[in-house]
């Protein structure tokens, strides 16, 4: 028998009580200590979880922003590249259209002869480039509401491109604006004139364009106020300053409109050296119209009136730096034609009377809007129109028969002096060989504009010592991408 079994009960009871007490103490300790420790542990876990979520949220937001930015930039670059190629395609198609003008002219010659009675001049197909090339620049229905698209389809009798492949998947559009450079007054050194003849030709045209032979002239206030440098610049000063910019000498030009002469005296750099930021005159031809801003007296008002009435619109431009100096009577604005005419016959009522000048401008503008075809096959045809002569199919007799011989809308014909007729005929040309083409490609919000000056003259040859001839699609005189 063991000692535990033989021990009396009185001796074993206290030991059980101690265990009970110990157990109770342990339970009491567990009730008071363990919950606090658990609470502390649960609080730390919450803080760690919140911190982790915050860090992950910041990382996710930054990643989302970086990804979105990269995606937007990639989309913009893609759209810009597509817009550039759309504009480049429009430019190449316009070159192809202009190069094909002789074949187009052959097709319309019978109809033109029936209407006018003589063969047609160079047809201004470049003016219609945006319409003719529309299937290559616009998706079907783009830019139209459904109703307009339906009306256009109902009214169309022939669609040459309805079954063409690939034209329905164009990414964007391209808009083409093209204009002949000989429809403007050339302020640069003329191609076929030299010395005093060149300076006199440019001076007379500019002076007539600025209303110098009219009294009063609507442009008088422009030359009666101070310019940006605090100086008064007259018409003669502006004309002389433009001549000094490109003529090779260093003497100041002085234009006398009464005697129609240009003389030289003094230094041409004096005025420019007195400026706050002095510079020298170029003494070389203009390279761009923007360079005209460096010439004395050429400011915002002058540019908005005579250079570019509508910004970035080549059709509205009045001056150019390209070409031979001859003006195209089928393309030039009436104000440009009037300036060219008055540079020879400045004493005629058409040049001295503002009301007669207004009649000429309004009448020719109205005729072009109603009958958009070139009326003058040769330069002599335009002189015949100015003199009010010609047969039944000529323009002035047609207007007399329609309006009546005493209509106040008709301008008074001029008299062309016999000694000036040959020179006047040489100052007009009914063809166009230098074309400005401005094409804007648009894809999404991206827009790219190509501005090019193209030369198609068949007599062009490369400068020596190179050899060659004019390519079929012309050559570039100027190219700019914006």
Protein backbone atom coordinates (compact mmCIF):
# COMPACT_ATOMS: atom_id res chain seq x y z
CA UNK A 1 0.00 0.00 0.00
CA UNK A 2 1.36 3.42 -0.93
CA UNK A 3 1.82 6.33 1.33
CA UNK A 4 -0.85 8.37 -0.51
CA UNK A 5 -3.53 5.86 0.18
CA UNK A 6 -2.64 5.47 3.81
CA UNK A 7 -2.48 9.30 4.41
CA UNK A 8 -5.44 10.59 6.34
CA UNK A 9 -8.04 12.73 4.62
CA UNK A 10 -7.33 15.66 6.94
CA UNK A 11 -3.88 15.94 5.50
CA UNK A 12 -4.94 15.71 1.80
CA UNK A 13 -7.72 18.34 1.80
CA UNK A 14 -5.56 21.45 1.98
CA UNK A 15 -3.70 20.36 -1.08
CA UNK A 16 -6.92 20.24 -3.09
CA UNK A 17 -7.86 23.65 -1.83
CA UNK A 18 -4.57 25.01 -3.00
CA UNK A 19 -5.17 23.64 -6.43
CA UNK A 20 -8.62 25.10 -6.44
CA UNK A 21 -7.31 28.39 -5.27
CA UNK A 22 -4.61 28.26 -7.90
CA UNK A 23 -7.14 27.41 -10.54
CA UNK A 24 -9.43 30.20 -9.44
CA UNK A 25 -6.53 32.62 -9.41
CA UNK A 26 -5.54 31.54 -12.83
CA UNK A 27 -9.09 32.10 -14.04
CA UNK A 28 -9.27 35.45 -12.36
CA UNK A 29 -5.94 36.41 -13.92
CA UNK A 30 -7.12 35.27 -17.31
CA UNK A 31 -10.30 37.32 -17.11
CA UNK A 32 -8.42 40.52 -16.23
CA UNK A 33 -5.12 40.25 -18.28
CA UNK A 34 -5.80 38.29 -21.46
CA UNK A 35 -8.56 40.58 -22.93
CA UNK A 36 -6.33 43.66 -22.65
CA UNK A 37 -3.51 41.90 -24.44
CA UNK A 38 -5.96 40.80 -27.19
CA UNK A 39 -7.28 44.29 -27.57
CA UNK A 40 -3.77 45.66 -28.01
CA UNK A 41 -3.01 43.03 -30.60
CA UNK A 42 -6.22 43.72 -32.52
CA UNK A 43 -5.48 47.52 -32.58
CA UNK A 44 -2.00 47.05 -34.02
CA UNK A 45 -3.34 44.79 -36.78
CA UNK A 46 -5.91 47.45 -37.74
CA UNK A 47 -3.22 50.11 -37.99
CA UNK A 48 -1.04 47.84 -40.12
CA UNK A 49 -4.00 47.01 -42.38
CA UNK A 50 -4.96 50.66 -42.84
CA UNK A 51 -1.36 51.65 -43.55
CA UNK A 52 -0.98 48.85 -46.07
CA UNK A 53 -4.22 49.81 -47.83
CA UNK A 54 -3.13 53.46 -47.94
CA UNK A 55 0.26 52.60 -49.40
CA UNK A 56 -1.30 50.27 -51.97
CA UNK A 57 -3.91 52.93 -52.86
CA UNK A 58 -1.21 55.55 -53.42
CA UNK A 59 0.80 53.13 -55.54
CA UNK A 60 -2.28 52.17 -57.51
CA UNK A 61 -3.28 55.81 -58.05
CA UNK A 62 0.22 56.72 -59.20
CA UNK A 63 0.33 53.70 -61.49
CA UNK A 64 -3.10 54.58 -62.90
CA UNK A 65 -2.07 58.19 -63.49
CA UNK A 66 1.19 57.18 -65.16
CA UNK A 67 -0.57 54.60 -67.31
CA UNK A 68 -3.34 57.03 -68.28
CA UNK A 69 -0.82 59.75 -69.14
CA UNK A 70 1.28 57.38 -71.21
CA UNK A 71 -1.86 56.13 -72.98
CA UNK A 72 -3.05 59.68 -73.71
CA UNK A 73 0.39 60.69 -75.02
CA UNK A 74 0.55 57.60 -77.19
CA UNK A 75 -2.91 58.30 -78.58
CA UNK A 76 -1.97 61.93 -79.29
CA UNK A 77 1.26 60.91 -81.01
CA UNK A 78 -0.61 58.33 -83.05
CA UNK A 79 -3.26 60.88 -84.07
CA UNK A 80 -0.60 63.46 -84.90
CA UNK A 81 1.31 61.02 -87.09
CA UNK A 82 -1.89 60.03 -88.88
CA UNK A 83 -2.83 63.70 -89.31
CA UNK A 84 0.59 64.43 -90.80
CA UNK A 85 0.20 61.58 -93.28
CA UNK A 86 -3.32 62.76 -94.13
CA UNK A 87 -1.93 66.23 -94.90
CA UNK A 88 0.98 64.76 -96.85
CA UNK A 89 -1.42 62.67 -98.93
CA UNK A 90 -3.56 65.73 -99.66
CA UNK A 91 -0.46 67.64 -100.78
CA UNK A 92 0.69 64.87 -103.11
CA UNK A 93 -2.78 64.46 -104.59
CA UNK A 94 -2.96 68.21 -105.24
CA UNK A 95 0.38 68.06 -107.02
CA UNK A 96 -0.97 65.24 -109.16
CA UNK A 97 -4.12 67.23 -109.94
CA UNK A 98 -2.20 70.34 -111.00
CA UNK A 99 0.19 68.26 -113.10
CA UNK A 100 -2.82 66.76 -114.92
CA UNK A 101 -4.35 70.16 -115.78
CA UNK A 102 -3.35 70.05 -119.51
CA UNK A 103 -5.28 66.80 -120.00
CA UNK A 104 -8.29 68.22 -118.16
CA UNK A 105 -8.15 71.32 -120.35
CA UNK A 106 -8.32 69.19 -123.47
CA UNK A 107 -11.56 67.64 -122.25
CA UNK A 108 -13.32 70.96 -121.60
CA UNK A 109 -12.00 72.83 -124.66
CA UNK A 110 -15.06 72.10 -126.90
CA UNK A 111 -17.51 73.33 -124.26
CA UNK A 112 -15.41 76.41 -123.48
CA UNK A 113 -15.18 77.35 -127.16
CA UNK A 114 -18.94 77.10 -127.50
CA UNK A 115 -19.38 79.48 -124.55
CA UNK A 116 -16.58 82.00 -125.07
CA UNK A 117 -15.61 81.48 -128.69
CA UNK A 118 -11.90 80.79 -128.12
CA UNK A 119 -9.73 78.10 -126.47
CA UNK A 120 -9.53 78.14 -122.68
CA UNK A 121 -6.54 79.43 -120.72
CA UNK A 122 -4.94 77.45 -117.91
CA UNK A 123 -7.81 76.08 -115.83
CA UNK A 124 -7.58 76.84 -112.10
CA UNK A 125 -8.04 73.22 -111.02
CA UNK A 126 -6.14 74.00 -107.81
CA UNK A 127 -9.08 76.07 -106.62
CA UNK A 128 -11.26 72.95 -106.75
CA UNK A 129 -8.74 70.60 -105.13
CA UNK A 130 -10.64 70.36 -101.85
CA UNK A 131 -13.85 69.35 -103.66
CA UNK A 132 -12.30 67.07 -106.25
CA UNK A 133 -10.15 65.24 -103.73
CA UNK A 134 -12.85 65.03 -101.04
CA UNK A 135 -13.24 61.21 -101.34
CA UNK A 136 -9.58 60.86 -100.38
CA UNK A 137 -9.79 63.31 -97.49
CA UNK A 138 -13.17 62.63 -95.88
CA UNK A 139 -14.97 59.47 -94.86
CA UNK A 140 -18.45 59.14 -96.38
CA UNK A 141 -20.86 61.19 -94.27
CA UNK A 142 -18.11 62.74 -92.10
CA UNK A 143 -19.00 66.23 -91.01
CA UNK A 144 -22.66 65.80 -92.00
CA UNK A 145 -25.75 65.03 -90.06
CA UNK A 146 -27.70 61.91 -91.09
CA UNK A 147 -30.35 63.98 -92.81
CA UNK A 148 -27.75 65.92 -94.80
CA UNK A 149 -26.02 62.68 -95.78
CA UNK A 150 -29.30 61.19 -96.96
CA UNK A 151 -30.18 64.30 -98.95
CA UNK A 152 -26.77 64.29 -100.56
CA UNK A 153 -27.10 60.64 -101.51
CA UNK A 154 -30.57 61.18 -102.93
CA UNK A 155 -29.39 64.10 -105.03
CA UNK A 156 -26.27 62.37 -106.30
CA UNK A 157 -26.56 60.78 -109.70
CA UNK A 158 -23.05 59.34 -109.97
CA UNK A 159 -20.56 58.32 -107.33
CA UNK A 160 -17.26 57.19 -108.80
CA UNK A 161 -15.86 56.21 -105.42
CA UNK A 162 -18.76 54.32 -103.85
CA UNK A 163 -17.15 50.95 -104.54
CA UNK A 164 -13.52 52.00 -103.98
CA UNK A 165 -11.54 49.96 -101.50
CA UNK A 166 -9.97 51.54 -98.43
CA UNK A 167 -11.62 54.96 -98.59
CA UNK A 168 -14.06 54.06 -95.80
CA UNK A 169 -11.25 53.47 -93.29
CA UNK A 170 -9.70 56.94 -93.27
CA UNK A 171 -8.59 57.92 -89.76
CA UNK A 172 -9.48 61.59 -90.18
CA UNK A 173 -9.87 64.43 -92.66
CA UNK A 174 -7.71 66.79 -94.69
CA UNK A 175 -8.64 70.26 -95.91
CA UNK A 176 -6.91 71.71 -98.98
CA UNK A 177 -6.53 75.40 -99.77
CA UNK A 178 -4.49 76.29 -102.85
CA UNK A 179 -3.99 79.52 -104.76
CA UNK A 180 -1.86 80.78 -107.65
CA UNK A 181 0.95 83.07 -106.52
CA UNK A 182 0.64 85.25 -109.63
CA UNK A 183 -2.78 86.33 -108.37
CA UNK A 184 -0.92 88.67 -105.99
CA UNK A 185 1.46 91.59 -106.27
CA UNK A 186 5.08 90.49 -106.16
CA UNK A 187 7.07 92.77 -103.85
CA UNK A 188 10.33 90.90 -104.46
CA UNK A 189 12.92 91.54 -107.13
CA UNK A 190 11.05 90.77 -110.40
CA UNK A 191 12.33 87.81 -112.36
CA UNK A 192 12.47 89.43 -115.80
CA UNK A 193 13.26 93.04 -114.83
CA UNK A 194 16.50 94.57 -113.57
CA UNK A 195 17.72 97.82 -112.07
CA UNK A 196 15.51 100.89 -112.21
CA UNK A 197 12.84 99.13 -114.27
CA UNK A 198 12.41 96.51 -111.57
CA UNK A 199 12.24 99.07 -108.77
CA UNK A 200 9.84 101.30 -110.68
CA UNK A 201 7.50 98.39 -111.49
CA UNK A 202 7.24 97.29 -107.86
CA UNK A 203 6.96 100.86 -106.57
CA UNK A 204 4.09 101.82 -108.88
CA UNK A 205 2.10 98.71 -108.02
CA UNK A 206 2.51 99.15 -104.28
CA UNK A 207 1.66 102.84 -104.42
CA UNK A 208 -1.50 102.13 -106.43
CA UNK A 209 -2.48 99.28 -104.08
CA UNK A 210 -2.25 101.64 -101.10
CA UNK A 211 -4.63 104.11 -102.80
CA UNK A 212 -1.94 106.64 -103.59
CA UNK A 213 -3.60 107.83 -106.81
CA UNK A 214 -7.03 108.29 -105.25
CA UNK A 215 -8.17 111.49 -103.62
CA UNK A 216 -9.40 111.01 -101.01
CA UNK A 217 -8.27 107.47 -100.39
CA UNK A 218 -9.89 105.12 -97.85
CA UNK A 219 -6.38 104.23 -96.67
CA UNK A 220 -5.30 107.79 -95.81
CA UNK A 221 -5.77 107.36 -92.01
CA UNK A 222 -3.32 104.46 -92.04
CA UNK A 223 -0.49 106.75 -93.12
CA UNK A 224 -1.42 109.72 -90.93
CA UNK A 225 -0.72 108.20 -87.52
CA UNK A 226 2.43 107.23 -85.67
CA UNK A 227 3.77 103.71 -86.04
CA UNK A 228 5.15 101.53 -83.23
CA UNK A 229 8.46 103.44 -83.27
CA UNK A 230 6.77 106.80 -82.84
CA UNK A 231 7.42 107.86 -86.44
CA UNK A 232 5.16 108.95 -89.26
CA UNK A 233 5.60 106.80 -92.35
CA UNK A 234 4.06 107.91 -95.62
CA UNK A 235 3.20 105.75 -98.61
CA UNK A 236 6.37 106.80 -100.37
CA UNK A 237 8.40 105.85 -97.28
CA UNK A 238 6.89 102.35 -97.16
CA UNK A 239 7.44 101.82 -100.89
CA UNK A 240 11.03 103.06 -100.73
CA UNK A 241 11.80 100.93 -97.67
CA UNK A 242 10.54 97.77 -99.39
CA UNK A 243 12.71 98.50 -102.41
CA UNK A 244 15.76 99.16 -100.23
CA UNK A 245 15.34 95.81 -98.50
CA UNK A 246 16.00 93.75 -101.64
CA UNK A 247 17.96 96.03 -103.96
CA UNK A 248 21.72 95.33 -103.88
CA UNK A 249 22.97 98.86 -103.20
CA UNK A 250 23.33 100.61 -99.85
CA UNK A 251 21.77 103.94 -100.87
CA UNK A 252 18.33 105.03 -99.78
CA UNK A 253 15.65 104.88 -102.48
CA UNK A 254 13.30 107.79 -103.01
CA UNK A 255 10.09 107.15 -104.92
CA UNK A 256 8.39 110.05 -106.71
CA UNK A 257 4.89 108.95 -107.83
CA UNK A 258 4.32 112.11 -109.85
CA UNK A 259 7.36 111.60 -112.04
CA UNK A 260 7.15 107.79 -111.70
CA UNK A 261 10.85 107.62 -110.88
CA UNK A 262 13.00 106.05 -108.17
CA UNK A 263 16.19 107.85 -107.24
CA UNK A 264 18.92 107.10 -104.69
CA UNK A 265 20.50 109.38 -102.11
CA UNK A 266 21.97 108.91 -98.62
CA UNK A 267 22.43 105.78 -96.55
CA UNK A 268 19.55 103.32 -96.27
CA UNK A 269 20.69 102.00 -92.86
CA UNK A 270 20.45 105.28 -90.93
CA UNK A 271 16.88 104.79 -89.76
CA UNK A 272 17.41 101.18 -88.67
CA UNK A 273 20.56 102.06 -86.74
CA UNK A 274 18.63 104.55 -84.59
CA UNK A 275 16.25 101.89 -83.30
CA UNK A 276 16.51 100.53 -79.75
CA UNK A 277 17.56 97.20 -81.25
CA UNK A 278 19.45 98.26 -84.41
CA UNK A 279 19.99 96.01 -87.41
CA UNK A 280 21.04 96.29 -91.05
CA UNK A 281 19.01 96.05 -94.22
CA UNK A 282 19.28 92.70 -95.97
CA UNK A 283 20.06 93.96 -99.51
CA UNK A 284 18.83 90.64 -100.91
CA UNK A 285 15.44 89.27 -101.98
CA UNK A 286 12.83 88.36 -99.38
CA UNK A 287 12.86 84.75 -98.22
CA UNK A 288 9.40 84.88 -96.61
CA UNK A 289 6.50 87.24 -96.11
CA UNK A 290 7.21 87.24 -92.36
CA UNK A 291 10.48 89.00 -93.19
CA UNK A 292 8.41 91.96 -94.36
CA UNK A 293 7.84 92.80 -90.69
CA UNK A 294 11.44 94.03 -90.46
CA UNK A 295 10.82 96.76 -93.03
CA UNK A 296 10.16 100.30 -91.87
CA UNK A 297 6.47 101.16 -91.59
CA UNK A 298 5.22 97.56 -91.77
CA UNK A 299 3.19 96.95 -88.62
CA UNK A 300 0.03 95.15 -87.58
CA UNK A 301 -2.31 97.61 -89.26
CA UNK A 302 -0.43 97.52 -92.55
CA UNK A 303 -0.23 93.72 -92.52
CA UNK A 304 -3.93 93.31 -91.72
CA UNK A 305 -4.83 95.67 -94.57
CA UNK A 306 -2.46 94.84 -97.41
CA UNK A 307 -0.54 91.65 -96.58
CA UNK A 308 -2.84 89.12 -94.92
CA UNK A 309 -6.34 90.42 -94.10
CA UNK A 310 -7.31 87.00 -92.70
CA UNK A 311 -4.52 85.32 -90.72
CA UNK A 312 -3.22 82.02 -92.07
CA UNK A 313 -5.49 82.22 -95.12
CA UNK A 314 -3.47 82.20 -98.37
CA UNK A 315 -6.53 83.14 -100.42
CA UNK A 316 -6.85 86.50 -98.66
CA UNK A 317 -3.20 87.45 -99.10
CA UNK A 318 -2.54 90.37 -101.40
CA UNK A 319 1.28 90.31 -101.62
CA UNK A 320 3.72 87.59 -102.55
CA UNK A 321 7.47 87.11 -102.90
CA UNK A 322 7.28 84.46 -105.65
CA UNK A 323 6.84 84.76 -109.38
CA UNK A 324 7.92 86.94 -112.25
CA UNK A 325 5.84 89.98 -111.33
CA UNK A 326 3.13 89.38 -113.96
CA UNK A 327 -0.45 89.18 -112.66
CA UNK A 328 -3.10 86.65 -113.66
CA UNK A 329 -6.36 88.51 -114.49
CA UNK A 330 -8.39 85.29 -114.12
CA UNK A 331 -7.22 84.70 -110.55
CA UNK A 332 -6.12 87.99 -108.99
CA UNK A 333 -8.51 89.89 -106.71
CA UNK A 334 -9.98 93.00 -108.37
CA UNK A 335 -7.99 95.27 -106.05
CA UNK A 336 -4.73 93.67 -107.21
CA UNK A 337 -5.74 94.02 -110.88
CA UNK A 338 -6.66 97.64 -110.30
CA UNK A 339 -3.27 98.32 -108.73
CA UNK A 340 -1.47 96.70 -111.65
CA UNK A 341 -3.48 98.69 -114.19
CA UNK A 342 -3.01 101.97 -112.37
CA UNK A 343 0.73 101.49 -112.26
CA UNK A 344 0.60 102.30 -116.01
CA UNK A 345 -2.41 104.64 -116.41
CA UNK A 346 -2.56 106.49 -113.09
CA UNK A 347 -4.37 109.48 -114.62
CA UNK A 348 -7.49 107.54 -115.66
CA UNK A 349 -10.78 107.93 -113.71
CA UNK A 350 -10.59 104.25 -112.80
CA UNK A 351 -7.47 105.07 -110.76
CA UNK A 352 -8.23 108.56 -109.46
CA UNK A 353 -11.94 108.29 -108.64
CA UNK A 354 -12.72 106.03 -105.63
CA UNK A 355 -16.27 105.47 -106.86
CA UNK A 356 -15.08 104.17 -110.23
CA UNK A 357 -12.61 101.89 -108.49
CA UNK A 358 -15.41 100.57 -106.28
CA UNK A 359 -17.56 99.85 -109.35
CA UNK A 360 -14.74 97.88 -110.98
CA UNK A 361 -14.11 95.81 -107.85
CA UNK A 362 -17.79 95.10 -107.22
CA UNK A 363 -18.60 94.29 -110.85
CA UNK A 364 -15.73 91.86 -111.34
CA UNK A 365 -16.38 90.19 -107.99
CA UNK A 366 -20.04 89.67 -108.84
CA UNK A 367 -19.27 88.22 -112.28
CA UNK A 368 -16.80 85.74 -110.80
CA UNK A 369 -19.30 84.66 -108.17
CA UNK A 370 -22.03 84.08 -110.76
CA UNK A 371 -19.88 82.55 -113.55
CA UNK A 372 -16.78 80.91 -112.02
CA UNK A 373 -14.88 80.35 -115.25
CA UNK A 374 -11.75 82.12 -116.58
CA UNK A 375 -12.90 84.71 -119.13
CA UNK A 376 -9.53 85.94 -120.39
CA UNK A 377 -7.60 83.59 -122.66
CA UNK A 378 -4.84 86.11 -123.35
CA UNK A 379 -3.58 89.26 -121.68
CA UNK A 380 -5.02 91.25 -124.59
CA UNK A 381 -8.50 90.01 -123.65
CA UNK A 382 -8.21 91.71 -120.28
CA UNK A 383 -7.13 94.99 -121.87
CA UNK A 384 -10.12 94.73 -124.19
CA UNK A 385 -12.35 94.39 -121.13
CA UNK A 386 -10.79 97.49 -119.54
CA UNK A 387 -11.34 99.46 -122.73
CA UNK A 388 -14.97 98.37 -122.97
CA UNK A 389 -14.51 96.77 -126.36
CA UNK A 390 -14.92 93.31 -127.84
CA UNK A 391 -17.45 91.15 -129.57
CA UNK A 392 -20.71 89.73 -128.32
CA UNK A 393 -18.95 86.95 -126.45
CA UNK A 394 -16.52 89.27 -124.67
CA UNK A 395 -17.16 90.20 -121.05
CA UNK A 396 -17.80 93.95 -121.17
CA UNK A 397 -20.31 93.85 -124.10
CA UNK A 398 -22.09 90.98 -122.32
CA UNK A 399 -22.43 93.12 -119.19
CA UNK A 400 -23.66 96.10 -121.22
CA UNK A 401 -26.33 93.92 -122.82
CA UNK A 402 -27.40 92.56 -119.44
CA UNK A 403 -27.27 95.79 -117.37
CA UNK A 404 -27.89 98.39 -120.08
CA UNK A 405 -25.43 100.92 -121.53
CA UNK A 406 -26.28 103.60 -118.95
CA UNK A 407 -26.18 101.36 -115.88
CA UNK A 408 -24.55 103.02 -112.85
CA UNK A 409 -22.98 99.65 -112.03
CA UNK A 410 -20.63 99.80 -115.04
CA UNK A 411 -17.25 101.44 -114.60
CA UNK A 412 -15.96 103.95 -117.15
CA UNK A 413 -13.63 102.21 -119.65
CA UNK A 414 -10.03 103.37 -119.79
CA UNK A 415 -7.86 104.43 -122.70
CA UNK A 416 -4.66 102.45 -123.06
CA UNK A 417 -1.91 104.61 -124.58
CA UNK A 418 -0.33 103.07 -127.66
CA UNK A 419 3.18 103.42 -126.23
CA UNK A 420 2.19 101.48 -123.08
CA UNK A 421 0.06 98.73 -124.59
CA UNK A 422 2.92 96.33 -125.15
CA UNK A 423 4.25 96.77 -121.62
CA UNK A 424 0.77 96.37 -120.16
CA UNK A 425 0.17 93.16 -122.09
CA UNK A 426 3.48 91.85 -120.77
CA UNK A 427 2.46 92.58 -117.19
CA UNK A 428 -0.48 90.15 -117.34
CA UNK A 429 -0.43 86.41 -117.89
CA UNK A 430 -3.34 83.95 -118.01
CA UNK A 431 -1.39 80.88 -116.91
CA UNK A 432 -0.21 79.90 -113.45
CA UNK A 433 2.98 78.01 -112.71
CA UNK A 434 3.68 78.72 -109.03
CA UNK A 435 1.02 77.45 -106.64
CA UNK A 436 0.76 77.70 -102.88
CA UNK A 437 -0.87 74.64 -101.32
CA UNK A 438 -1.91 74.56 -97.67
CA UNK A 439 -3.21 71.21 -96.41
CA UNK A 440 -4.49 70.61 -92.87
CA UNK A 441 -4.81 67.05 -91.61
CA UNK A 442 -7.16 66.47 -88.68
CA UNK A 443 -7.34 63.26 -86.64
CA UNK A 444 -9.11 63.43 -83.30
CA UNK A 445 -7.81 66.52 -81.52
CA UNK A 446 -4.50 66.53 -83.42
CA UNK A 447 -4.02 68.87 -86.34
CA UNK A 448 -1.03 69.21 -88.69
CA UNK A 449 -0.73 71.85 -91.42
CA UNK A 450 1.62 71.62 -94.40
CA UNK A 451 2.33 74.83 -96.32
CA UNK A 452 4.21 74.45 -99.60
CA UNK A 453 5.09 76.61 -102.60
CA UNK A 454 5.18 74.48 -105.77
CA UNK A 455 6.74 75.44 -109.10
CA UNK A 456 5.44 73.79 -112.28
CA UNK A 457 7.08 76.05 -114.87
CA UNK A 458 8.27 73.98 -117.84
CA UNK A 459 11.14 76.40 -118.48
CA UNK A 460 12.66 75.81 -115.05
CA UNK A 461 16.18 74.41 -114.95
CA UNK A 462 18.27 73.64 -111.86
CA UNK A 463 21.02 76.09 -110.94
CA UNK A 464 24.44 75.38 -112.44
CA UNK A 465 26.42 73.20 -112.45
CA UNK A 466 23.42 70.85 -112.11
CA UNK A 467 21.54 69.62 -115.14
CA UNK A 468 17.95 68.50 -115.47
CA UNK A 469 14.43 69.61 -116.20
CA UNK A 470 11.17 70.18 -114.36
CA UNK A 471 9.80 66.97 -112.77
CA UNK A 472 6.24 66.02 -113.60
CA UNK A 473 4.96 66.88 -110.10
CA UNK A 474 6.89 70.15 -109.81
CA UNK A 475 9.53 71.25 -107.33
CA UNK A 476 9.29 72.79 -103.87
CA UNK A 477 10.24 76.43 -103.36
CA UNK A 478 9.11 76.39 -99.74
CA UNK A 479 7.90 73.76 -97.29
CA UNK A 480 6.74 74.23 -93.73
CA UNK A 481 5.00 71.95 -91.24
CA UNK A 482 3.01 73.23 -88.26
